[in-house]
N, C-alpha and C. Protein backbone atom coordinates (compact mmCIF):
# COMPACT_ATOMS: atom_id res chain seq x y z
N MET A 1 0.84 -1.02 0.02
CA MET A 1 -0.02 -0.03 0.02
C MET A 1 0.97 1.41 0.06
N GLU A 2 2.23 1.05 0.96
CA GLU A 2 3.05 2.49 0.73
C GLU A 2 3.33 2.52 -0.76
N ALA A 3 3.82 1.38 -1.49
CA ALA A 3 3.92 1.39 -2.97
C ALA A 3 3.00 2.22 -3.50
N LEU A 4 1.59 2.22 -3.29
CA LEU A 4 0.24 2.56 -3.99
C LEU A 4 0.54 4.49 -3.96
N VAL A 5 0.93 4.71 -2.40
CA VAL A 5 0.91 6.01 -2.07
C VAL A 5 2.10 6.73 -2.99
N LEU A 6 3.28 6.09 -2.83
CA LEU A 6 4.27 6.62 -3.60
C LEU A 6 4.11 6.61 -4.95
N VAL A 7 3.57 5.98 -5.88
CA VAL A 7 3.22 6.03 -7.20
C VAL A 7 2.16 7.17 -7.37
N ALA A 8 1.18 7.34 -6.90
CA ALA A 8 0.14 8.30 -6.78
C ALA A 8 0.74 9.62 -6.49
N GLU A 9 1.53 9.92 -5.55
CA GLU A 9 1.98 11.14 -5.32
C GLU A 9 3.40 11.51 -5.98
N ASN A 10 4.16 10.47 -6.41
CA ASN A 10 5.46 10.94 -6.84
C ASN A 10 5.60 10.14 -8.16
N GLY A 11 4.90 9.48 -8.56
CA GLY A 11 5.18 8.93 -9.86
C GLY A 11 6.07 7.68 -9.96
N GLY A 12 6.23 7.17 -8.59
CA GLY A 12 7.21 5.87 -8.45
C GLY A 12 6.90 4.67 -9.26
N PRO A 13 7.80 3.68 -9.10
CA PRO A 13 7.47 2.33 -9.93
C PRO A 13 6.23 1.76 -9.70
N THR A 14 5.15 1.79 -10.88
CA THR A 14 4.13 0.97 -10.91
C THR A 14 4.16 -0.31 -10.51
N ARG A 15 5.39 -1.07 -11.02
CA ARG A 15 5.62 -2.46 -10.90
C ARG A 15 5.50 -2.96 -9.93
N LEU A 16 6.41 -2.08 -8.73
CA LEU A 16 6.59 -2.62 -7.38
C LEU A 16 5.44 -2.51 -6.52
N ALA A 17 4.66 -1.50 -7.17
CA ALA A 17 3.27 -1.24 -6.29
C ALA A 17 2.26 -2.35 -6.59
N ARG A 18 2.30 -2.92 -7.94
CA ARG A 18 1.32 -3.90 -8.24
C ARG A 18 1.81 -5.33 -7.38
N ILE A 19 2.94 -5.56 -7.76
CA ILE A 19 3.82 -6.65 -6.79
C ILE A 19 3.21 -6.61 -5.50
N GLY A 20 3.54 -5.59 -4.63
CA GLY A 20 2.96 -5.54 -3.30
C GLY A 20 1.47 -5.66 -3.06
N VAL A 21 0.47 -5.08 -3.81
CA VAL A 21 -0.87 -5.27 -4.49
C VAL A 21 -1.19 -7.04 -4.37
N MET A 22 -0.48 -7.17 -5.12
CA MET A 22 -0.60 -9.00 -5.39
C MET A 22 -0.28 -9.81 -4.44
N ARG A 23 1.11 -9.25 -3.51
CA ARG A 23 1.27 -10.26 -2.39
C ARG A 23 -0.01 -10.13 -1.37
N ALA A 24 -0.40 -8.97 -1.08
CA ALA A 24 -1.70 -8.88 -0.01
C ALA A 24 -2.97 -9.77 -0.55
N LEU A 25 -3.27 -9.59 -1.74
CA LEU A 25 -4.75 -10.15 -2.28
C LEU A 25 -4.48 -11.82 -2.63
N ASN A 26 -3.28 -12.37 -2.89
CA ASN A 26 -2.87 -13.77 -2.87
C ASN A 26 -2.29 -14.29 -1.41
N ARG A 27 -2.50 -13.73 -0.28
CA ARG A 27 -1.74 -13.86 1.00
C ARG A 27 -2.41 -15.44 1.44
N GLY A 28 -3.88 -15.13 1.31
CA GLY A 28 -4.64 -16.44 1.65
C GLY A 28 -4.50 -17.76 0.67
N HIS A 29 -4.00 -17.53 -0.23
CA HIS A 29 -4.20 -18.66 -1.12
C HIS A 29 -2.83 -19.65 -0.77
N VAL A 30 -3.25 -20.94 -0.55
CA VAL A 30 -2.27 -21.95 -0.27
C VAL A 30 -2.21 -22.77 -1.25
N ARG A 31 -1.26 -23.03 -1.68
CA ARG A 31 -1.26 -24.24 -2.97
C ARG A 31 -1.22 -25.42 -2.05
N GLU A 32 -2.20 -26.39 -2.49
CA GLU A 32 -2.47 -27.66 -1.84
C GLU A 32 -2.30 -28.33 -3.46
N PHE A 33 -1.75 -29.92 -3.45
CA PHE A 33 -1.90 -30.53 -4.66
C PHE A 33 -2.52 -32.13 -4.47
N THR A 34 -3.19 -32.35 -5.15
CA THR A 34 -3.72 -33.71 -4.96
C THR A 34 -2.87 -34.76 -5.65
N GLU A 35 -3.18 -35.58 -5.83
CA GLU A 35 -2.36 -36.93 -6.72
C GLU A 35 -2.13 -36.51 -8.20
N GLN A 36 -3.22 -35.82 -8.58
CA GLN A 36 -3.01 -35.46 -9.92
C GLN A 36 -2.71 -34.16 -10.24
N GLY A 37 -1.95 -33.27 -8.85
CA GLY A 37 -1.24 -32.05 -9.21
C GLY A 37 -2.34 -31.19 -9.02
N ALA A 38 -3.51 -31.17 -9.02
CA ALA A 38 -4.37 -29.72 -9.10
C ALA A 38 -4.15 -29.10 -8.00
N SER A 39 -4.36 -27.57 -7.93
CA SER A 39 -4.57 -26.71 -6.82
C SER A 39 -5.58 -26.72 -6.26
N LEU A 40 -5.95 -26.71 -4.82
CA LEU A 40 -6.85 -26.96 -4.06
C LEU A 40 -6.87 -25.52 -3.19
N GLY A 41 -5.95 -25.01 -3.11
CA GLY A 41 -6.10 -23.71 -2.27
C GLY A 41 -6.63 -22.43 -2.42
N LEU A 42 -6.79 -22.33 -3.56
CA LEU A 42 -7.97 -20.89 -4.08
C LEU A 42 -9.08 -21.46 -3.39
N GLU A 43 -9.89 -22.42 -3.56
CA GLU A 43 -11.07 -22.87 -2.80
C GLU A 43 -11.18 -22.35 -1.60
N LYS A 44 -10.14 -22.81 -0.78
CA LYS A 44 -9.96 -22.58 0.84
C LYS A 44 -9.83 -21.25 0.99
N ALA A 45 -8.96 -20.51 0.22
CA ALA A 45 -8.74 -18.99 0.24
C ALA A 45 -9.97 -18.05 0.38
N GLU A 46 -11.00 -18.69 -0.59
CA GLU A 46 -12.44 -17.99 -0.83
C GLU A 46 -13.28 -18.50 0.43
N GLU A 47 -13.05 -18.87 1.10
CA GLU A 47 -14.09 -19.45 2.18
C GLU A 47 -14.27 -18.04 3.26
N ARG A 48 -13.36 -17.08 3.32
CA ARG A 48 -13.46 -16.09 4.16
C ARG A 48 -12.76 -14.96 3.38
N PRO A 49 -13.53 -13.89 3.72
CA PRO A 49 -13.19 -12.52 2.81
C PRO A 49 -11.76 -12.14 3.76
N MET A 50 -10.91 -11.37 2.33
CA MET A 50 -9.38 -11.55 2.59
C MET A 50 -9.22 -10.13 3.54
N THR A 51 -8.67 -9.79 4.35
CA THR A 51 -8.30 -8.69 5.28
C THR A 51 -6.77 -8.38 5.52
N VAL A 52 -6.41 -6.95 5.38
CA VAL A 52 -5.40 -6.73 5.95
C VAL A 52 -5.34 -5.90 7.13
N TRP A 53 -4.31 -5.60 7.76
CA TRP A 53 -4.11 -4.62 8.92
C TRP A 53 -3.41 -3.34 8.63
N VAL A 54 -4.09 -2.23 8.92
CA VAL A 54 -3.48 -0.91 8.10
C VAL A 54 -3.04 -0.13 9.53
N TYR A 55 -1.78 0.51 9.78
CA TYR A 55 -1.53 1.42 10.71
C TYR A 55 -1.06 2.60 10.33
N VAL A 56 -1.70 3.64 10.55
CA VAL A 56 -1.18 4.99 10.09
C VAL A 56 -0.62 5.82 11.31
N ASP A 57 0.66 6.14 10.92
CA ASP A 57 1.55 7.09 12.12
C ASP A 57 1.01 8.54 11.56
N ALA A 58 0.12 9.26 12.34
CA ALA A 58 -0.33 10.71 11.84
C ALA A 58 0.79 11.68 12.11
N SER A 59 1.85 11.35 12.80
CA SER A 59 2.84 12.04 12.94
C SER A 59 3.89 12.43 11.86
N LYS A 60 3.48 11.53 10.65
CA LYS A 60 4.43 11.61 9.65
C LYS A 60 3.86 12.23 8.52
N GLN A 61 4.35 12.50 7.62
CA GLN A 61 3.45 13.55 6.32
C GLN A 61 3.09 12.19 5.64
N VAL A 62 2.21 12.40 4.79
CA VAL A 62 1.72 11.14 3.67
C VAL A 62 2.67 10.74 2.77
N SER A 63 3.65 11.71 2.27
CA SER A 63 4.83 11.27 1.09
C SER A 63 5.68 10.25 2.12
N ASP A 64 5.82 10.03 3.32
CA ASP A 64 6.75 9.45 4.44
C ASP A 64 6.40 8.02 4.65
N VAL A 65 7.82 7.29 4.19
CA VAL A 65 7.60 5.61 4.17
C VAL A 65 6.91 5.17 5.06
N ASP A 66 7.44 6.01 6.17
CA ASP A 66 6.70 5.37 7.59
C ASP A 66 5.35 5.88 7.77
N HIS A 67 4.48 6.55 7.17
CA HIS A 67 3.10 7.14 7.37
C HIS A 67 2.18 5.81 7.12
N LEU A 68 2.49 4.80 6.47
CA LEU A 68 1.41 3.82 6.33
C LEU A 68 1.99 2.68 6.66
N LYS A 69 1.50 1.33 7.00
CA LYS A 69 2.15 0.29 7.46
C LYS A 69 0.82 -0.77 7.15
N VAL A 70 1.06 -1.74 6.12
CA VAL A 70 -0.11 -2.65 5.91
C VAL A 70 0.56 -3.93 6.48
N PHE A 71 -0.13 -4.85 7.32
CA PHE A 71 0.30 -6.19 7.57
C PHE A 71 -0.57 -7.11 6.93
N ALA A 72 -0.42 -8.57 6.58
CA ALA A 72 -1.03 -9.38 6.26
C ALA A 72 -1.88 -10.10 7.11
N SER A 73 -1.38 -10.07 8.50
CA SER A 73 -2.20 -10.82 9.69
C SER A 73 -2.30 -9.93 10.89
N GLU A 74 -2.74 -10.36 11.84
CA GLU A 74 -2.98 -9.64 12.88
C GLU A 74 -1.76 -9.90 13.64
N GLU A 75 -1.19 -10.95 13.78
CA GLU A 75 -0.02 -11.52 14.43
C GLU A 75 1.13 -10.65 14.07
N ALA A 76 1.33 -10.40 12.54
CA ALA A 76 2.37 -9.56 12.14
C ALA A 76 2.07 -8.11 12.63
N ALA A 77 0.91 -7.71 12.49
CA ALA A 77 0.56 -6.29 13.16
C ALA A 77 1.29 -6.05 14.32
N GLU A 78 0.47 -6.98 15.46
CA GLU A 78 0.59 -6.74 16.91
C GLU A 78 2.32 -7.25 17.08
N ARG A 79 3.17 -7.90 16.42
CA ARG A 79 4.41 -7.82 16.53
C ARG A 79 5.49 -6.83 16.54
N TRP A 80 4.70 -5.98 15.22
CA TRP A 80 5.53 -4.99 14.74
C TRP A 80 5.09 -3.44 15.71
N LEU A 81 3.88 -3.98 16.12
CA LEU A 81 3.72 -2.63 17.03
C LEU A 81 4.17 -2.74 18.31
N GLN A 82 4.32 -4.23 18.88
CA GLN A 82 5.13 -4.26 20.01
C GLN A 82 6.60 -3.66 20.21
N GLU A 83 7.35 -3.60 18.90
CA GLU A 83 8.53 -3.40 18.90
C GLU A 83 9.05 -1.82 18.43
N ASN A 84 7.99 -1.39 17.90
CA ASN A 84 7.58 -0.03 17.32
C ASN A 84 6.66 1.00 17.34
N ASP A 85 5.49 0.79 18.27
CA ASP A 85 4.66 1.53 18.53
C ASP A 85 3.82 1.19 19.80
N PRO A 86 4.23 0.82 20.81
CA PRO A 86 3.27 -0.28 21.63
C PRO A 86 2.15 0.43 22.14
N GLU A 87 1.80 1.95 21.88
CA GLU A 87 0.71 2.14 22.25
C GLU A 87 -0.27 2.74 21.03
N GLY A 88 0.55 2.18 19.93
CA GLY A 88 -0.28 2.17 18.16
C GLY A 88 -1.52 1.32 18.00
N VAL A 89 -2.12 1.43 17.20
CA VAL A 89 -3.22 0.64 16.86
C VAL A 89 -3.16 0.15 15.89
N ALA A 90 -3.55 -0.77 14.97
CA ALA A 90 -3.76 -1.10 13.64
C ALA A 90 -5.13 -1.57 13.59
N PHE A 91 -5.95 -1.29 12.19
CA PHE A 91 -7.24 -1.49 11.98
C PHE A 91 -7.12 -2.61 10.96
N GLU A 92 -8.38 -3.43 11.07
CA GLU A 92 -8.60 -4.55 9.90
C GLU A 92 -9.57 -3.83 8.85
N TYR A 93 -9.21 -3.91 7.67
CA TYR A 93 -10.04 -3.91 6.52
C TYR A 93 -10.05 -4.87 5.56
N GLU A 94 -11.03 -5.13 5.03
CA GLU A 94 -11.16 -6.24 4.08
C GLU A 94 -10.80 -5.60 2.66
N VAL A 95 -10.06 -6.54 1.88
CA VAL A 95 -9.46 -6.47 0.57
C VAL A 95 -10.64 -6.15 -0.35
N LEU A 96 -10.86 -5.34 -0.86
CA LEU A 96 -12.08 -5.39 -2.20
C LEU A 96 -11.81 -5.79 -3.13
N GLU A 97 -12.57 -6.50 -4.20
CA GLU A 97 -11.76 -7.01 -5.46
C GLU A 97 -12.35 -6.06 -6.53
């Protein structure tokens, strides 16, 4: 998400923004194979809505790299917050298609 903000504001590299978004969108996809080798992970990933956890540091400017942090899981957000901003809060948002 930070890469998207940088692209929008500064004309940064769109490829990196696309890679970051695709990683977030595919985070729930688990590759599992049957004996025939068919992937079953996508069906399991679609059972629940995909969400990300977002932390905003209001003391930073929007163009600052540290202004926005997006996490793939609640555990990752909690771990980062404990180390970097113990009083901070990350909010869960559903990824829209």
